[in-house]
C-alpha atoms as a PDB file:
ATOM      1  CA  MET A   1       0.000   0.000   0.000  1.00  0.00           C
ATOM      2  CA  ASN A   2       1.443   3.372  -1.005  1.00  0.00           C
ATOM      3  CA  ILE A   3       1.423   6.402   1.270  1.00  0.00           C
ATOM      4  CA  LEU A   4      -1.550   8.029  -0.550  1.00  0.00           C
ATOM      5  CA  SER A   5      -3.714   4.931  -0.117  1.00  0.00           C
ATOM      6  CA  PHE A   6      -2.671   4.706   3.522  1.00  0.00           C
ATOM      7  CA  ILE A   7      -3.737   8.312   4.179  1.00  0.00           C
ATOM      8  CA  LYS A   8      -7.038   7.777   2.337  1.00  0.00           C
ATOM      9  CA  ASN A   9      -7.788   4.741   4.497  1.00  0.00           C
ATOM     10  CA  ILE A  10      -7.112   6.739   7.652  1.00  0.00           C
ATOM     11  CA  PHE A  11      -9.539   9.452   6.568  1.00  0.00           C
ATOM     12  CA  LYS A  12     -12.087   6.840   5.507  1.00  0.00           C
ATOM     13  CA  ASN A  13     -11.921   5.033   8.839  1.00  0.00           C
ATOM     14  CA  ASN A  14     -12.125   8.300  10.749  1.00  0.00           C
ATOM     15  CA  LYS A  15     -15.195   9.278   8.709  1.00  0.00           C
ATOM     16  CA  ILE A  16     -16.884   5.933   9.446  1.00  0.00           C
ATOM     17  CA  GLU A  17     -16.156   6.346  13.166  1.00  0.00           C
ATOM     18  CA  GLU A  18     -17.465   9.919  13.120  1.00  0.00           C
ATOM     19  CA  ASP A  19     -20.664   8.872  11.308  1.00  0.00           C
ATOM     20  CA  THR A  20     -21.161   6.019  13.777  1.00  0.00           C
ATOM     21  CA  MET A  21     -21.014   8.403  16.737  1.00  0.00           C
ATOM     22  CA  LYS A  22     -23.685  10.581  15.129  1.00  0.00           C
ATOM     23  CA  LYS A  23     -26.228   7.751  14.938  1.00  0.00           C
ATOM     24  CA  PHE A  24     -28.613   7.011  17.801  1.00  0.00           C
ATOM     25  CA  LEU A  25     -30.939   4.058  18.311  1.00  0.00           C
ATOM     26  CA  ILE A  26     -34.097   5.027  20.220  1.00  0.00           C
ATOM     27  CA  VAL A  27     -36.076   1.948  21.204  1.00  0.00           C
ATOM     28  CA  GLY A  28     -39.650   2.031  22.478  1.00  0.00           C
ATOM     29  CA  LEU A  29     -40.701  -1.196  24.166  1.00  0.00           C
ATOM     30  CA  GLY A  30     -44.134  -2.733  23.748  1.00  0.00           C
ATOM     31  CA  ASN A  31     -46.151  -5.634  22.382  1.00  0.00           C
ATOM     32  CA  ILE A  32     -47.515  -5.868  18.858  1.00  0.00           C
ATOM     33  CA  GLY A  33     -51.238  -6.358  18.222  1.00  0.00           C
ATOM     34  CA  ASP A  34     -54.363  -4.249  18.647  1.00  0.00           C
ATOM     35  CA  LYS A  35     -55.206  -5.676  22.067  1.00  0.00           C
ATOM     36  CA  TYR A  36     -52.011  -4.164  23.491  1.00  0.00           C
ATOM     37  CA  LYS A  37     -52.138  -0.870  21.607  1.00  0.00           C
ATOM     38  CA  ASN A  38     -53.461   1.382  24.391  1.00  0.00           C
ATOM     39  CA  THR A  39     -52.044  -0.451  27.391  1.00  0.00           C
ATOM     40  CA  ARG A  40     -49.636   0.955  29.955  1.00  0.00           C
ATOM     41  CA  HIS A  41     -47.018  -1.629  28.980  1.00  0.00           C
ATOM     42  CA  ASN A  42     -46.991  -0.166  25.451  1.00  0.00           C
ATOM     43  CA  ILE A  43     -46.020   3.374  26.389  1.00  0.00           C
ATOM     44  CA  GLY A  44     -42.734   2.926  24.494  1.00  0.00           C
ATOM     45  CA  PHE A  45     -44.614   2.323  21.244  1.00  0.00           C
ATOM     46  CA  LYS A  46     -46.981   5.210  21.943  1.00  0.00           C
ATOM     47  CA  ILE A  47     -44.116   7.632  22.545  1.00  0.00           C
ATOM     48  CA  LEU A  48     -42.308   6.687  19.336  1.00  0.00           C
ATOM     49  CA  ASN A  49     -45.527   6.888  17.313  1.00  0.00           C
ATOM     50  CA  GLU A  50     -46.081  10.441  18.532  1.00  0.00           C
ATOM     51  CA  ILE A  51     -42.480  11.456  17.873  1.00  0.00           C
ATOM     52  CA  ALA A  52     -42.577  10.013  14.358  1.00  0.00           C
ATOM     53  CA  GLN A  53     -45.734  12.004  13.678  1.00  0.00           C
ATOM     54  CA  LYS A  54     -44.154  15.207  14.961  1.00  0.00           C
ATOM     55  CA  GLU A  55     -41.048  14.602  12.835  1.00  0.00           C
ATOM     56  CA  GLU A  56     -43.223  13.733   9.820  1.00  0.00           C
ATOM     57  CA  VAL A  57     -41.596  10.341   9.283  1.00  0.00           C
ATOM     58  CA  THR A  58     -43.272   6.980   8.724  1.00  0.00           C
ATOM     59  CA  PHE A  59     -42.519   3.595  10.225  1.00  0.00           C
ATOM     60  CA  THR A  60     -41.756   0.716   7.885  1.00  0.00           C
ATOM     61  CA  THR A  61     -41.778  -2.931   8.908  1.00  0.00           C
ATOM     62  CA  GLN A  62     -38.316  -4.443   8.662  1.00  0.00           C
ATOM     63  CA  LYS A  63     -36.500  -7.341  10.270  1.00  0.00           C
ATOM     64  CA  LEU A  64     -37.498  -7.739  13.927  1.00  0.00           C
ATOM     65  CA  GLY A  65     -39.305  -4.420  14.125  1.00  0.00           C
ATOM     66  CA  ASP A  66     -40.782  -1.232  12.706  1.00  0.00           C
ATOM     67  CA  LEU A  67     -38.292   1.555  11.963  1.00  0.00           C
ATOM     68  CA  ALA A  68     -38.372   5.270  11.211  1.00  0.00           C
ATOM     69  CA  LYS A  69     -35.534   7.789  10.948  1.00  0.00           C
ATOM     70  CA  PHE A  70     -35.206  11.528  11.380  1.00  0.00           C
ATOM     71  CA  ARG A  71     -32.285  13.929  11.471  1.00  0.00           C
ATOM     72  CA  PHE A  72     -31.550  16.783  13.853  1.00  0.00           C
ATOM     73  CA  LYS A  73     -28.423  18.956  13.992  1.00  0.00           C
ATOM     74  CA  GLY A  74     -26.373  16.502  11.976  1.00  0.00           C
ATOM     75  CA  ARG A  75     -27.472  13.482  14.000  1.00  0.00           C
ATOM     76  CA  THR A  76     -29.522  10.545  12.771  1.00  0.00           C
ATOM     77  CA  PHE A  77     -32.129   9.169  15.156  1.00  0.00           C
ATOM     78  CA  ILE A  78     -33.371   5.662  14.386  1.00  0.00           C
ATOM     79  CA  LEU A  79     -36.689   4.877  16.067  1.00  0.00           C
ATOM     80  CA  LEU A  80     -37.269   1.170  16.667  1.00  0.00           C
ATOM     81  CA  LYS A  81     -40.421  -0.626  17.812  1.00  0.00           C
ATOM     82  CA  PRO A  82     -39.462  -4.308  18.190  1.00  0.00           C
ATOM     83  CA  ASN A  83     -42.041  -6.779  16.865  1.00  0.00           C
ATOM     84  CA  THR A  84     -40.616  -9.653  18.909  1.00  0.00           C
ATOM     85  CA  TYR A  85     -42.987  -9.081  21.854  1.00  0.00           C
ATOM     86  CA  MET A  86     -41.738  -7.545  25.070  1.00  0.00           C
ATOM     87  CA  ASN A  87     -39.915 -10.556  26.516  1.00  0.00           C
ATOM     88  CA  LEU A  88     -37.653 -10.884  23.454  1.00  0.00           C
ATOM     89  CA  SER A  89     -36.934  -7.180  22.897  1.00  0.00           C
ATOM     90  CA  GLY A  90     -33.184  -7.680  23.157  1.00  0.00           C
ATOM     91  CA  LYS A  91     -33.038  -9.646  19.929  1.00  0.00           C
ATOM     92  CA  ALA A  92     -34.246  -6.654  17.908  1.00  0.00           C
ATOM     93  CA  VAL A  93     -32.061  -4.191  19.811  1.00  0.00           C
ATOM     94  CA  LYS A  94     -28.921  -6.259  19.242  1.00  0.00           C
ATOM     95  CA  TYR A  95     -29.690  -6.817  15.559  1.00  0.00           C
ATOM     96  CA  TRP A  96     -30.219  -3.132  14.703  1.00  0.00           C
ATOM     97  CA  MET A  97     -27.393  -1.976  16.927  1.00  0.00           C
ATOM     98  CA  THR A  98     -25.067  -4.250  14.951  1.00  0.00           C
ATOM     99  CA  LYS A  99     -26.556  -3.561  11.532  1.00  0.00           C
ATOM    100  CA  GLU A 100     -26.435   0.228  11.933  1.00  0.00           C
ATOM    101  CA  LYS A 101     -23.077   0.108  13.763  1.00  0.00           C
ATOM    102  CA  ILE A 102     -24.401   2.104  16.698  1.00  0.00           C
ATOM    103  CA  ALA A 103     -22.249   2.587  19.774  1.00  0.00           C
ATOM    104  CA  LEU A 104     -23.631   1.296  23.065  1.00  0.00           C
ATOM    105  CA  GLU A 105     -23.593   4.792  24.552  1.00  0.00           C
ATOM    106  CA  ASN A 106     -25.857   5.955  21.703  1.00  0.00           C
ATOM    107  CA  ILE A 107     -28.703   3.594  22.606  1.00  0.00           C
ATOM    108  CA  LEU A 108     -31.742   4.756  24.568  1.00  0.00           C
ATOM    109  CA  ILE A 109     -34.476   2.358  25.696  1.00  0.00           C
ATOM    110  CA  ILE A 110     -37.927   3.735  26.585  1.00  0.00           C
ATOM    111  CA  CYS A 111     -40.202   1.630  28.786  1.00  0.00           C
ATOM    112  CA  ASP A 112     -42.909   1.679  31.445  1.00  0.00           C
ATOM    113  CA  ASP A 113     -42.066   1.481  35.143  1.00  0.00           C
ATOM    114  CA  LEU A 114     -44.305   0.365  38.011  1.00  0.00           C
ATOM    115  CA  ASN A 115     -41.842   1.569  40.613  1.00  0.00           C
ATOM    116  CA  ILE A 116     -42.315   5.284  39.995  1.00  0.00           C
ATOM    117  CA  PRO A 117     -45.543   7.313  40.105  1.00  0.00           C
ATOM    118  CA  PHE A 118     -47.577   8.133  37.032  1.00  0.00           C
ATOM    119  CA  GLU A 119     -46.372  11.356  35.367  1.00  0.00           C
ATOM    120  CA  SER A 120     -42.828  10.848  36.668  1.00  0.00           C
ATOM    121  CA  LEU A 121     -39.993  10.336  34.188  1.00  0.00           C
ATOM    122  CA  ARG A 122     -36.530   8.962  34.902  1.00  0.00           C
ATOM    123  CA  LEU A 123     -33.548   9.095  32.578  1.00  0.00           C
ATOM    124  CA  LYS A 124     -30.471   7.097  33.614  1.00  0.00           C
ATOM    125  CA  PRO A 125     -27.225   6.103  31.868  1.00  0.00           C
ATOM    126  CA  LYS A 126     -27.373   2.519  33.181  1.00  0.00           C
ATOM    127  CA  GLY A 127     -29.119   0.334  35.745  1.00  0.00           C
ATOM    128  CA  SER A 128     -30.775  -2.963  36.531  1.00  0.00           C
ATOM    129  CA  ALA A 129     -33.870  -4.325  34.809  1.00  0.00           C
ATOM    130  CA  GLY A 130     -35.939  -3.524  37.896  1.00  0.00           C
ATOM    131  CA  GLY A 131     -38.238  -6.468  37.179  1.00  0.00           C
ATOM    132  CA  HIS A 132     -39.001  -5.309  33.625  1.00  0.00           C
ATOM    133  CA  ASN A 133     -38.950  -8.299  31.252  1.00  0.00           C
ATOM    134  CA  GLY A 134     -38.037  -6.220  28.213  1.00  0.00           C
ATOM    135  CA  LEU A 135     -34.985  -4.792  29.949  1.00  0.00           C
ATOM    136  CA  LYS A 136     -34.064  -8.246  31.269  1.00  0.00           C
ATOM    137  CA  ASP A 137     -33.841  -9.590  27.731  1.00  0.00           C
ATOM    138  CA  ILE A 138     -31.889  -6.578  26.485  1.00  0.00           C
ATOM    139  CA  ASN A 139     -29.419  -7.070  29.349  1.00  0.00           C
ATOM    140  CA  ALA A 140     -29.030 -10.721  28.385  1.00  0.00           C
ATOM    141  CA  GLN A 141     -28.649 -10.083  24.655  1.00  0.00           C
ATOM    142  CA  LEU A 142     -26.174  -7.209  25.034  1.00  0.00           C
ATOM    143  CA  ASN A 143     -24.474  -8.823  28.031  1.00  0.00           C
ATOM    144  CA  THR A 144     -24.443  -5.491  29.837  1.00  0.00           C
ATOM    145  CA  GLN A 145     -26.612  -3.025  31.750  1.00  0.00           C
ATOM    146  CA  GLN A 146     -24.490  -0.086  30.611  1.00  0.00           C
ATOM    147  CA  TYR A 147     -26.998   1.574  28.311  1.00  0.00           C
ATOM    148  CA  ALA A 148     -29.326   4.541  28.778  1.00  0.00           C
ATOM    149  CA  ARG A 149     -32.949   4.006  29.629  1.00  0.00           C
ATOM    150  CA  LEU A 150     -35.879   6.361  30.011  1.00  0.00           C
ATOM    151  CA  ARG A 151     -38.556   5.073  32.363  1.00  0.00           C
ATOM    152  CA  PHE A 152     -42.121   6.348  32.122  1.00  0.00           C
ATOM    153  CA  GLY A 153     -43.866   5.994  35.475  1.00  0.00           C
ATOM    154  CA  VAL A 154     -47.195   4.158  35.325  1.00  0.00           C
ATOM    155  CA  GLY A 155     -47.691   3.931  39.083  1.00  0.00           C
ATOM    156  CA  ASP A 156     -48.701   0.945  41.167  1.00  0.00           C
ATOM    157  CA  LYS A 157     -52.417   1.417  41.753  1.00  0.00           C
ATOM    158  CA  PHE A 158     -53.313  -2.250  41.675  1.00  0.00           C
ATOM    159  CA  SER A 159     -54.268  -4.777  44.310  1.00  0.00           C
ATOM    160  CA  LYS A 160     -52.076  -7.719  45.292  1.00  0.00           C
ATOM    161  CA  GLY A 161     -51.621 -10.207  42.466  1.00  0.00           C
ATOM    162  CA  ARG A 162     -53.064  -7.845  39.826  1.00  0.00           C
ATOM    163  CA  GLN A 163     -49.805  -6.437  38.475  1.00  0.00           C
ATOM    164  CA  VAL A 164     -50.103  -8.085  35.048  1.00  0.00           C
ATOM    165  CA  ASP A 165     -53.703  -6.930  34.646  1.00  0.00           C
ATOM    166  CA  TYR A 166     -52.636  -3.404  35.542  1.00  0.00           C
ATOM    167  CA  VAL A 167     -49.726  -3.058  33.097  1.00  0.00           C
ATOM    168  CA  LEU A 168     -51.736  -4.738  30.351  1.00  0.00           C
ATOM    169  CA  GLY A 169     -54.748  -2.568  31.137  1.00  0.00           C
ATOM    170  CA  ASN A 170     -55.713   0.553  29.205  1.00  0.00           C
ATOM    171  CA  TRP A 171     -54.923   4.100  30.302  1.00  0.00           C
ATOM    172  CA  THR A 172     -57.697   6.017  32.047  1.00  0.00           C
ATOM    173  CA  ASP A 173     -59.226   9.071  30.380  1.00  0.00           C
ATOM    174  CA  THR A 174     -57.505  11.296  32.953  1.00  0.00           C
ATOM    175  CA  GLU A 175     -54.107   9.727  32.235  1.00  0.00           C
ATOM    176  CA  LEU A 176     -54.586  10.089  28.487  1.00  0.00           C
ATOM    177  CA  LYS A 177     -55.042  13.840  28.879  1.00  0.00           C
ATOM    178  CA  ILE A 178     -51.685  14.160  30.666  1.00  0.00           C
ATOM    179  CA  ILE A 179     -49.551  11.849  28.503  1.00  0.00           C
ATOM    180  CA  PRO A 180     -49.147  14.216  25.470  1.00  0.00           C
ATOM    181  CA  THR A 181     -47.301  16.849  27.534  1.00  0.00           C
ATOM    182  CA  LYS A 182     -44.957  14.149  28.827  1.00  0.00           C
ATOM    183  CA  ILE A 183     -44.292  12.891  25.312  1.00  0.00           C
ATOM    184  CA  GLU A 184     -43.464  16.421  24.195  1.00  0.00           C
ATOM    185  CA  LYS A 185     -40.858  16.635  26.959  1.00  0.00           C
ATOM    186  CA  ILE A 186     -39.456  13.229  25.997  1.00  0.00           C
ATOM    187  CA  HIS A 187     -39.197  14.292  22.353  1.00  0.00           C
ATOM    188  CA  THR A 188     -37.090  17.287  23.369  1.00  0.00           C
ATOM    189  CA  SER A 189     -34.921  15.190  25.667  1.00  0.00           C
ATOM    190  CA  ILE A 190     -34.198  12.606  22.956  1.00  0.00           C
ATOM    191  CA  LYS A 191     -32.778  15.342  20.762  1.00  0.00           C
ATOM    192  CA  ALA A 192     -30.745  16.618  23.712  1.00  0.00           C
ATOM    193  CA  PHE A 193     -29.474  13.091  24.397  1.00  0.00           C
ATOM    194  CA  GLY A 194     -28.053  13.041  20.869  1.00  0.00           C
ATOM    195  CA  THR A 195     -26.595  16.544  20.884  1.00  0.00           C
ATOM    196  CA  VAL A 196     -25.443  17.525  24.385  1.00  0.00           C
ATOM    197  CA  GLY A 197     -25.126  14.073  25.988  1.00  0.00           C
ATOM    198  CA  ILE A 198     -26.936  12.205  28.713  1.00  0.00           C
ATOM    199  CA  ALA A 199     -25.417  14.006  31.726  1.00  0.00           C
ATOM    200  CA  ARG A 200     -26.719  17.436  30.719  1.00  0.00           C
ATOM    201  CA  THR A 201     -29.989  15.955  29.505  1.00  0.00           C
ATOM    202  CA  MET A 202     -30.572  14.247  32.862  1.00  0.00           C
ATOM    203  CA  ASN A 203     -30.122  17.533  34.704  1.00  0.00           C
ATOM    204  CA  ASP A 204     -32.877  19.174  32.691  1.00  0.00           C
ATOM    205  CA  PHE A 205     -35.137  16.166  32.291  1.00  0.00           C
ATOM    206  CA  ASN A 206     -35.545  14.111  35.446  1.00  0.00           C
ATOM    207  CA  THR A 207     -38.624  14.931  37.512  1.00  0.00           C
ATOM    208  CA  LYS A 208     -40.008  13.746  40.803  1.00  0.00           C
END
């Protein structure tokens, strides 16, 4: 290899690395099928649907999920709704992370959380699954818990033994009136996550 080819390869590799760092995989967790559409467990899907509408992009069904892309300030945001069902979410995350060559620190998982009150939002750079089956599978597939996750509080207003019925139950009319303002805040924070980083985004985003 001559010196010119060597220099070209360096620039090419640097460009690939730079492009990789400007790509972000935003995953909303949920279950496919109409019976799950408006359930608390499907808040990840609902959030991504609203963001796609605001960004005027359309989801297309591809391998292991529905995808849509939008750009903001030189970054590419890939929205993914896995079609593997909640308990196998990690398979879709790992596949698209690998296919799109997305760095682990550029992945954000959005899911419901019983452990925090309704209306509350929590953004963290890492953490345990906290009993969430979707996160459990992602942890297993990626072999790490070192990825960002945004938890949407759904509360715990259910009687003993009724947890599954609660998360797979539909939102109340009162809750549905509040959710859009939360999604608007999440939309803004996703863009911040990709432009200013998770530390600064957490400072502005996390609520009680």
